[in-house]
Amino acid sequence: MVSPMDECWKVTVNRDTCVGSGVCIGTAPRYFRLDDNRSRPIAENVDPDEDVLAAADTCPTESIIVRDAAGNQLAPPEEILPPLNTMG
C-alpha cells in the first residue's frame, strides 16, 4: 500500500486570486517564488513536504492548491457545506 507521503504531489497557484503577499515564500521558500508580483510554484510536481501544506493552509486567499497523485485535494481543506434543509 502506498501512503500519501510516498507519492508525488501537484502544486498549483491560482494567479487570478493570488495577492502576492509572499506568505508562501516565507513558509516554503524551496517551493514558491514571486513572478510579476504573484506566487508561482517552482515545480508543479513535488515530493511530499509539510512545508508545502503549511504554505497552502496559510495563504490568505487560498490560492495554493495541493493535490495527491490521485487528484485528491490535500490543502487547503475543501469547504464542507452543511446539508440543505429539505424539510421546509
PDB file of N, CA and C in Angstrom:
ATOM      1  N   MET A   1       0.847  -1.186   0.000  1.00  0.00           N
ATOM      2  CA  MET A   1       0.000   0.000   0.000  1.00  0.00           C
ATOM      3  C   MET A   1       0.890   1.246   0.000  1.00  0.00           C
ATOM      4  N   VAL A   2       0.546   2.211  -0.835  1.00  0.00           N
ATOM      5  CA  VAL A   2       1.309   3.450  -0.937  1.00  0.00           C
ATOM      6  C   VAL A   2       0.632   4.501  -0.076  1.00  0.00           C
ATOM      7  N   SER A   3       1.383   5.106   0.807  1.00  0.00           N
ATOM      8  CA  SER A   3       0.813   6.165   1.636  1.00  0.00           C
ATOM      9  C   SER A   3       0.935   7.488   0.898  1.00  0.00           C
ATOM     10  N   PRO A   4       0.099   8.485   1.241  1.00  0.00           N
ATOM     11  CA  PRO A   4       0.177   9.781   0.575  1.00  0.00           C
ATOM     12  C   PRO A   4       1.553  10.429   0.680  1.00  0.00           C
ATOM     13  N   MET A   5       2.314  10.077   1.711  1.00  0.00           N
ATOM     14  CA  MET A   5       3.628  10.682   1.878  1.00  0.00           C
ATOM     15  C   MET A   5       4.669  10.056   0.950  1.00  0.00           C
ATOM     16  N   ASP A   6       4.324   8.929   0.277  1.00  0.00           N
ATOM     17  CA  ASP A   6       5.266   8.251  -0.607  1.00  0.00           C
ATOM     18  C   ASP A   6       5.083   8.631  -2.075  1.00  0.00           C
ATOM     19  N   GLU A   7       4.150   9.477  -2.379  1.00  0.00           N
ATOM     20  CA  GLU A   7       3.858   9.801  -3.760  1.00  0.00           C
ATOM     21  C   GLU A   7       4.139  11.268  -4.064  1.00  0.00           C
ATOM     22  N   CYS A   8       4.039  11.602  -5.310  1.00  0.00           N
ATOM     23  CA  CYS A   8       4.287  12.967  -5.758  1.00  0.00           C
ATOM     24  C   CYS A   8       3.021  13.809  -5.580  1.00  0.00           C
ATOM     25  N   TRP A   9       3.191  15.061  -5.199  1.00  0.00           N
ATOM     26  CA  TRP A   9       2.071  15.990  -5.073  1.00  0.00           C
ATOM     27  C   TRP A   9       2.112  16.991  -6.216  1.00  0.00           C
ATOM     28  N   LYS A  10       0.935  17.465  -6.615  1.00  0.00           N
ATOM     29  CA  LYS A  10       0.825  18.502  -7.638  1.00  0.00           C
ATOM     30  C   LYS A  10       0.449  19.808  -6.944  1.00  0.00           C
ATOM     31  N   VAL A  11       1.238  20.854  -7.217  1.00  0.00           N
ATOM     32  CA  VAL A  11       1.014  22.162  -6.596  1.00  0.00           C
ATOM     33  C   VAL A  11       0.620  23.157  -7.685  1.00  0.00           C
ATOM     34  N   THR A  12      -0.487  23.847  -7.473  1.00  0.00           N
ATOM     35  CA  THR A  12      -0.910  24.893  -8.403  1.00  0.00           C
ATOM     36  C   THR A  12      -1.219  26.165  -7.614  1.00  0.00           C
ATOM     37  N   VAL A  13      -1.079  27.290  -8.291  1.00  0.00           N
ATOM     38  CA  VAL A  13      -1.418  28.583  -7.702  1.00  0.00           C
ATOM     39  C   VAL A  13      -2.381  29.283  -8.646  1.00  0.00           C
ATOM     40  N   ASN A  14      -3.515  29.700  -8.107  1.00  0.00           N
ATOM     41  CA  ASN A  14      -4.461  30.487  -8.887  1.00  0.00           C
ATOM     42  C   ASN A  14      -3.942  31.926  -8.901  1.00  0.00           C
ATOM     43  N   ARG A  15      -3.332  32.302 -10.007  1.00  0.00           N
ATOM     44  CA  ARG A  15      -2.716  33.618 -10.097  1.00  0.00           C
ATOM     45  C   ARG A  15      -3.750  34.735 -10.228  1.00  0.00           C
ATOM     46  N   ASP A  16      -5.001  34.382 -10.495  1.00  0.00           N
ATOM     47  CA  ASP A  16      -6.064  35.399 -10.545  1.00  0.00           C
ATOM     48  C   ASP A  16      -6.482  35.840  -9.144  1.00  0.00           C
ATOM     49  N   THR A  17      -6.356  34.929  -8.162  1.00  0.00           N
ATOM     50  CA  THR A  17      -6.751  35.279  -6.797  1.00  0.00           C
ATOM     51  C   THR A  17      -5.563  35.600  -5.897  1.00  0.00           C
ATOM     52  N   CYS A  18      -4.360  35.216  -6.307  1.00  0.00           N
ATOM     53  CA  CYS A  18      -3.157  35.496  -5.522  1.00  0.00           C
ATOM     54  C   CYS A  18      -2.945  37.006  -5.418  1.00  0.00           C
ATOM     55  N   VAL A  19      -2.621  37.462  -4.207  1.00  0.00           N
ATOM     56  CA  VAL A  19      -2.365  38.890  -3.995  1.00  0.00           C
ATOM     57  C   VAL A  19      -0.880  39.179  -3.805  1.00  0.00           C
ATOM     58  N   GLY A  20      -0.052  38.157  -3.908  1.00  0.00           N
ATOM     59  CA  GLY A  20       1.387  38.352  -3.808  1.00  0.00           C
ATOM     60  C   GLY A  20       1.873  38.711  -2.421  1.00  0.00           C
ATOM     61  N   SER A  21       1.210  38.189  -1.400  1.00  0.00           N
ATOM     62  CA  SER A  21       1.598  38.522  -0.022  1.00  0.00           C
ATOM     63  C   SER A  21       2.981  37.979   0.334  1.00  0.00           C
ATOM     64  N   GLY A  22       3.390  36.895  -0.319  1.00  0.00           N
ATOM     65  CA  GLY A  22       4.689  36.294  -0.036  1.00  0.00           C
ATOM     66  C   GLY A  22       4.701  35.360   1.153  1.00  0.00           C
ATOM     67  N   VAL A  23       3.538  35.099   1.751  1.00  0.00           N
ATOM     68  CA  VAL A  23       3.476  34.178   2.890  1.00  0.00           C
ATOM     69  C   VAL A  23       4.001  32.807   2.477  1.00  0.00           C
ATOM     70  N   CYS A  24       3.675  32.371   1.267  1.00  0.00           N
ATOM     71  CA  CYS A  24       4.125  31.044   0.802  1.00  0.00           C
ATOM     72  C   CYS A  24       5.645  30.983   0.697  1.00  0.00           C
ATOM     73  N   ILE A  25       6.253  32.062   0.270  1.00  0.00           N
ATOM     74  CA  ILE A  25       7.707  32.090   0.136  1.00  0.00           C
ATOM     75  C   ILE A  25       8.366  32.074   1.510  1.00  0.00           C
ATOM     76  N   GLY A  26       7.766  32.758   2.455  1.00  0.00           N
ATOM     77  CA  GLY A  26       8.280  32.731   3.811  1.00  0.00           C
ATOM     78  C   GLY A  26       8.115  31.373   4.466  1.00  0.00           C
ATOM     79  N   THR A  27       7.049  30.663   4.108  1.00  0.00           N
ATOM     80  CA  THR A  27       6.753  29.360   4.695  1.00  0.00           C
ATOM     81  C   THR A  27       7.496  28.226   3.995  1.00  0.00           C
ATOM     82  N   ALA A  28       7.561  28.291   2.660  1.00  0.00           N
ATOM     83  CA  ALA A  28       8.153  27.200   1.875  1.00  0.00           C
ATOM     84  C   ALA A  28       8.991  27.768   0.728  1.00  0.00           C
ATOM     85  N   PRO A  29      10.105  28.426   1.051  1.00  0.00           N
ATOM     86  CA  PRO A  29      10.889  29.109   0.010  1.00  0.00           C
ATOM     87  C   PRO A  29      11.488  28.174  -1.046  1.00  0.00           C
ATOM     88  N   ARG A  30      11.606  26.893  -0.736  1.00  0.00           N
ATOM     89  CA  ARG A  30      12.136  25.951  -1.740  1.00  0.00           C
ATOM     90  C   ARG A  30      11.101  25.616  -2.809  1.00  0.00           C
ATOM     91  N   TYR A  31       9.835  26.003  -2.577  1.00  0.00           N
ATOM     92  CA  TYR A  31       8.761  25.578  -3.472  1.00  0.00           C
ATOM     93  C   TYR A  31       8.048  26.710  -4.201  1.00  0.00           C
ATOM     94  N   PHE A  32       8.210  27.948  -3.745  1.00  0.00           N
ATOM     95  CA  PHE A  32       7.469  29.058  -4.344  1.00  0.00           C
ATOM     96  C   PHE A  32       8.388  30.241  -4.628  1.00  0.00           C
ATOM     97  N   ARG A  33       7.991  31.033  -5.630  1.00  0.00           N
ATOM     98  CA  ARG A  33       8.694  32.276  -5.952  1.00  0.00           C
ATOM     99  C   ARG A  33       7.656  33.284  -6.423  1.00  0.00           C
ATOM    100  N   LEU A  34       8.003  34.557  -6.361  1.00  0.00           N
ATOM    101  CA  LEU A  34       7.128  35.591  -6.900  1.00  0.00           C
ATOM    102  C   LEU A  34       7.534  35.875  -8.341  1.00  0.00           C
ATOM    103  N   ASP A  35       6.542  35.972  -9.191  1.00  0.00           N
ATOM    104  CA  ASP A  35       6.735  36.272 -10.601  1.00  0.00           C
ATOM    105  C   ASP A  35       5.642  37.274 -10.977  1.00  0.00           C
ATOM    106  N   ASP A  36       6.041  38.489 -11.365  1.00  0.00           N
ATOM    107  CA  ASP A  36       5.070  39.558 -11.639  1.00  0.00           C
ATOM    108  C   ASP A  36       4.153  39.807 -10.445  1.00  0.00           C
ATOM    109  N   ASN A  37       4.745  39.827  -9.252  1.00  0.00           N
ATOM    110  CA  ASN A  37       4.026  40.091  -8.002  1.00  0.00           C
ATOM    111  C   ASN A  37       2.949  39.072  -7.674  1.00  0.00           C
ATOM    112  N   ARG A  38       3.076  37.867  -8.201  1.00  0.00           N
ATOM    113  CA  ARG A  38       2.170  36.773  -7.892  1.00  0.00           C
ATOM    114  C   ARG A  38       2.998  35.524  -7.630  1.00  0.00           C
ATOM    115  N   SER A  39       2.480  34.658  -6.777  1.00  0.00           N
ATOM    116  CA  SER A  39       3.182  33.418  -6.457  1.00  0.00           C
ATOM    117  C   SER A  39       3.138  32.461  -7.635  1.00  0.00           C
ATOM    118  N   ARG A  40       4.183  31.654  -7.713  1.00  0.00           N
ATOM    119  CA  ARG A  40       4.261  30.601  -8.719  1.00  0.00           C
ATOM    120  C   ARG A  40       5.043  29.447  -8.095  1.00  0.00           C
ATOM    121  N   PRO A  41       4.562  28.209  -8.282  1.00  0.00           N
ATOM    122  CA  PRO A  41       5.355  27.093  -7.770  1.00  0.00           C
ATOM    123  C   PRO A  41       6.642  26.955  -8.586  1.00  0.00           C
ATOM    124  N   ILE A  42       7.739  26.660  -7.923  1.00  0.00           N
ATOM    125  CA  ILE A  42       8.999  26.450  -8.627  1.00  0.00           C
ATOM    126  C   ILE A  42       8.899  25.204  -9.491  1.00  0.00           C
ATOM    127  N   ALA A  43       8.200  24.183  -8.992  1.00  0.00           N
ATOM    128  CA  ALA A  43       7.936  22.962  -9.762  1.00  0.00           C
ATOM    129  C   ALA A  43       6.484  22.574  -9.510  1.00  0.00           C
ATOM    130  N   GLU A  44       5.811  22.101 -10.552  1.00  0.00           N
ATOM    131  CA  GLU A  44       4.411  21.701 -10.406  1.00  0.00           C
ATOM    132  C   GLU A  44       4.276  20.415  -9.600  1.00  0.00           C
ATOM    133  N   ASN A  45       5.188  19.475  -9.801  1.00  0.00           N
ATOM    134  CA  ASN A  45       5.165  18.208  -9.077  1.00  0.00           C
ATOM    135  C   ASN A  45       6.292  18.207  -8.054  1.00  0.00           C
ATOM    136  N   VAL A  46       5.938  17.912  -6.802  1.00  0.00           N
ATOM    137  CA  VAL A  46       6.912  17.945  -5.723  1.00  0.00           C
ATOM    138  C   VAL A  46       6.796  16.693  -4.864  1.00  0.00           C
ATOM    139  N   ASP A  47       7.876  16.371  -4.186  1.00  0.00           N
ATOM    140  CA  ASP A  47       7.824  15.319  -3.188  1.00  0.00           C
ATOM    141  C   ASP A  47       7.030  15.839  -1.990  1.00  0.00           C
ATOM    142  N   PRO A  48       6.291  14.979  -1.328  1.00  0.00           N
ATOM    143  CA  PRO A  48       5.520  15.413  -0.162  1.00  0.00           C
ATOM    144  C   PRO A  48       6.393  16.129   0.866  1.00  0.00           C
ATOM    145  N   ASP A  49       5.890  17.257   1.350  1.00  0.00           N
ATOM    146  CA  ASP A  49       6.611  18.053   2.332  1.00  0.00           C
ATOM    147  C   ASP A  49       5.593  18.866   3.114  1.00  0.00           C
ATOM    148  N   GLU A  50       5.667  18.784   4.429  1.00  0.00           N
ATOM    149  CA  GLU A  50       4.736  19.523   5.287  1.00  0.00           C
ATOM    150  C   GLU A  50       4.792  21.031   5.032  1.00  0.00           C
ATOM    151  N   ASP A  51       5.941  21.548   4.598  1.00  0.00           N
ATOM    152  CA  ASP A  51       6.053  22.980   4.312  1.00  0.00           C
ATOM    153  C   ASP A  51       5.109  23.399   3.175  1.00  0.00           C
ATOM    154  N   VAL A  52       4.912  22.528   2.191  1.00  0.00           N
ATOM    155  CA  VAL A  52       4.001  22.829   1.080  1.00  0.00           C
ATOM    156  C   VAL A  52       2.568  22.919   1.601  1.00  0.00           C
ATOM    157  N   LEU A  53       2.186  21.980   2.448  1.00  0.00           N
ATOM    158  CA  LEU A  53       0.841  22.020   3.037  1.00  0.00           C
ATOM    159  C   LEU A  53       0.659  23.267   3.896  1.00  0.00           C
ATOM    160  N   ALA A  54       1.688  23.620   4.657  1.00  0.00           N
ATOM    161  CA  ALA A  54       1.613  24.809   5.508  1.00  0.00           C
ATOM    162  C   ALA A  54       1.452  26.069   4.663  1.00  0.00           C
ATOM    163  N   ALA A  55       2.151  26.136   3.532  1.00  0.00           N
ATOM    164  CA  ALA A  55       2.031  27.302   2.647  1.00  0.00           C
ATOM    165  C   ALA A  55       0.610  27.413   2.118  1.00  0.00           C
ATOM    166  N   ALA A  56       0.025  26.298   1.709  1.00  0.00           N
ATOM    167  CA  ALA A  56      -1.351  26.322   1.206  1.00  0.00           C
ATOM    168  C   ALA A  56      -2.330  26.700   2.308  1.00  0.00           C
ATOM    169  N   ASP A  57      -2.118  26.147   3.497  1.00  0.00           N
ATOM    170  CA  ASP A  57      -3.028  26.418   4.613  1.00  0.00           C
ATOM    171  C   ASP A  57      -2.943  27.850   5.114  1.00  0.00           C
ATOM    172  N   THR A  58      -1.799  28.515   4.939  1.00  0.00           N
ATOM    173  CA  THR A  58      -1.645  29.881   5.443  1.00  0.00           C
ATOM    174  C   THR A  58      -1.818  30.939   4.360  1.00  0.00           C
ATOM    175  N   CYS A  59      -2.031  30.529   3.123  1.00  0.00           N
ATOM    176  CA  CYS A  59      -2.248  31.503   2.045  1.00  0.00           C
ATOM    177  C   CYS A  59      -3.498  32.319   2.363  1.00  0.00           C
ATOM    178  N   PRO A  60      -3.392  33.644   2.423  1.00  0.00           N
ATOM    179  CA  PRO A  60      -4.544  34.457   2.831  1.00  0.00           C
ATOM    180  C   PRO A  60      -5.709  34.407   1.844  1.00  0.00           C
ATOM    181  N   THR A  61      -5.459  34.032   0.605  1.00  0.00           N
ATOM    182  CA  THR A  61      -6.534  33.964  -0.384  1.00  0.00           C
ATOM    183  C   THR A  61      -6.836  32.531  -0.832  1.00  0.00           C
ATOM    184  N   GLU A  62      -6.229  31.544  -0.161  1.00  0.00           N
ATOM    185  CA  GLU A  62      -6.393  30.128  -0.501  1.00  0.00           C
ATOM    186  C   GLU A  62      -6.144  29.879  -1.989  1.00  0.00           C
ATOM    187  N   SER A  63      -5.128  30.541  -2.519  1.00  0.00           N
ATOM    188  CA  SER A  63      -4.798  30.430  -3.939  1.00  0.00           C
ATOM    189  C   SER A  63      -3.921  29.228  -4.260  1.00  0.00           C
ATOM    190  N   ILE A  64      -3.327  28.607  -3.245  1.00  0.00           N
ATOM    191  CA  ILE A  64      -2.448  27.458  -3.449  1.00  0.00           C
ATOM    192  C   ILE A  64      -3.243  26.185  -3.210  1.00  0.00           C
ATOM    193  N   ILE A  65      -3.225  25.295  -4.208  1.00  0.00           N
ATOM    194  CA  ILE A  65      -3.918  24.020  -4.095  1.00  0.00           C
ATOM    195  C   ILE A  65      -2.867  22.911  -4.187  1.00  0.00           C
ATOM    196  N   VAL A  66      -2.932  21.979  -3.247  1.00  0.00           N
ATOM    197  CA  VAL A  66      -2.031  20.821  -3.244  1.00  0.00           C
ATOM    198  C   VAL A  66      -2.896  19.581  -3.397  1.00  0.00           C
ATOM    199  N   ARG A  67      -2.558  18.762  -4.406  1.00  0.00           N
ATOM    200  CA  ARG A  67      -3.298  17.523  -4.654  1.00  0.00           C
ATOM    201  C   ARG A  67      -2.341  16.339  -4.636  1.00  0.00           C
ATOM    202  N   ASP A  68      -2.861  15.186  -4.211  1.00  0.00           N
ATOM    203  CA  ASP A  68      -2.050  13.975  -4.247  1.00  0.00           C
ATOM    204  C   ASP A  68      -2.079  13.392  -5.655  1.00  0.00           C
ATOM    205  N   ALA A  69      -1.393  12.276  -5.854  1.00  0.00           N
ATOM    206  CA  ALA A  69      -1.281  11.667  -7.180  1.00  0.00           C
ATOM    207  C   ALA A  69      -2.634  11.234  -7.734  1.00  0.00           C
ATOM    208  N   ALA A  70      -3.583  10.945  -6.862  1.00  0.00           N
ATOM    209  CA  ALA A  70      -4.920  10.533  -7.291  1.00  0.00           C
ATOM    210  C   ALA A  70      -5.826  11.725  -7.579  1.00  0.00           C
ATOM    211  N   GLY A  71      -5.335  12.937  -7.327  1.00  0.00           N
ATOM    212  CA  GLY A  71      -6.130  14.137  -7.580  1.00  0.00           C
ATOM    213  C   GLY A  71      -6.929  14.625  -6.392  1.00  0.00           C
ATOM    214  N   ASN A  72      -6.765  13.986  -5.240  1.00  0.00           N
ATOM    215  CA  ASN A  72      -7.468  14.416  -4.029  1.00  0.00           C
ATOM    216  C   ASN A  72      -6.825  15.675  -3.477  1.00  0.00           C
ATOM    217  N   GLN A  73      -7.637  16.648  -3.125  1.00  0.00           N
ATOM    218  CA  GLN A  73      -7.113  17.897  -2.580  1.00  0.00           C
ATOM    219  C   GLN A  73      -6.651  17.681  -1.146  1.00  0.00           C
ATOM    220  N   LEU A  74      -5.367  17.980  -0.906  1.00  0.00           N
ATOM    221  CA  LEU A  74      -4.781  17.845   0.428  1.00  0.00           C
ATOM    222  C   LEU A  74      -4.824  19.155   1.195  1.00  0.00           C
ATOM    223  N   ALA A  75      -4.689  20.265   0.489  1.00  0.00           N
ATOM    224  CA  ALA A  75      -4.686  21.578   1.134  1.00  0.00           C
ATOM    225  C   ALA A  75      -5.047  22.628   0.097  1.00  0.00           C
ATOM    226  N   PRO A  76      -5.692  23.701   0.503  1.00  0.00           N
ATOM    227  CA  PRO A  76      -6.308  23.858   1.813  1.00  0.00           C
ATOM    228  C   PRO A  76      -7.490  22.913   1.939  1.00  0.00           C
ATOM    229  N   PRO A  77      -7.987  22.712   3.155  1.00  0.00           N
ATOM    230  CA  PRO A  77      -9.125  21.809   3.306  1.00  0.00           C
ATOM    231  C   PRO A  77     -10.298  22.287   2.458  1.00  0.00           C
ATOM    232  N   GLU A  78     -10.936  21.345   1.779  1.00  0.00           N
ATOM    233  CA  GLU A  78     -12.106  21.704   0.991  1.00  0.00           C
ATOM    234  C   GLU A  78     -13.242  22.055   1.933  1.00  0.00           C
ATOM    235  N   GLU A  79     -13.992  23.072   1.566  1.00  0.00           N
ATOM    236  CA  GLU A  79     -15.106  23.511   2.398  1.00  0.00           C
ATOM    237  C   GLU A  79     -16.191  22.445   2.368  1.00  0.00           C
ATOM    238  N   ILE A  80     -16.641  22.074   3.548  1.00  0.00           N
ATOM    239  CA  ILE A  80     -17.726  21.106   3.656  1.00  0.00           C
ATOM    240  C   ILE A  80     -18.984  21.881   3.997  1.00  0.00           C
ATOM    241  N   LEU A  81     -19.933  21.843   3.078  1.00  0.00           N
ATOM    242  CA  LEU A  81     -21.172  22.587   3.268  1.00  0.00           C
ATOM    243  C   LEU A  81     -22.165  21.747   4.059  1.00  0.00           C
ATOM    244  N   PRO A  82     -22.947  22.392   4.918  1.00  0.00           N
ATOM    245  CA  PRO A  82     -23.965  21.640   5.653  1.00  0.00           C
ATOM    246  C   PRO A  82     -25.063  21.168   4.682  1.00  0.00           C
ATOM    247  N   PRO A  83     -25.756  20.095   5.023  1.00  0.00           N
ATOM    248  CA  PRO A  83     -26.823  19.618   4.136  1.00  0.00           C
ATOM    249  C   PRO A  83     -27.917  20.669   4.018  1.00  0.00           C
ATOM    250  N   LEU A  84     -28.530  20.700   2.852  1.00  0.00           N
ATOM    251  CA  LEU A  84     -29.641  21.623   2.638  1.00  0.00           C
ATOM    252  C   LEU A  84     -30.834  21.171   3.475  1.00  0.00           C
ATOM    253  N   ASN A  85     -31.555  22.142   3.989  1.00  0.00           N
ATOM    254  CA  ASN A  85     -32.751  21.832   4.761  1.00  0.00           C
ATOM    255  C   ASN A  85     -33.875  21.581   3.765  1.00  0.00           C
ATOM    256  N   THR A  86     -34.249  20.331   3.594  1.00  0.00           N
ATOM    257  CA  THR A  86     -35.291  19.987   2.638  1.00  0.00           C
ATOM    258  C   THR A  86     -36.656  19.818   3.310  1.00  0.00           C
ATOM    259  N   MET A  87     -36.705  20.099   4.604  1.00  0.00           N
ATOM    260  CA  MET A  87     -37.952  19.920   5.343  1.00  0.00           C
ATOM    261  C   MET A  87     -38.827  21.167   5.320  1.00  0.00           C
ATOM    262  N   GLY A  88     -38.388  22.190   4.644  1.00  0.00           N
ATOM    263  CA  GLY A  88     -39.313  23.268   4.542  1.00  0.00           C
ATOM    264  C   GLY A  88     -38.841  24.594   4.789  1.00  0.00           C
TER     265      GLY A  88
END
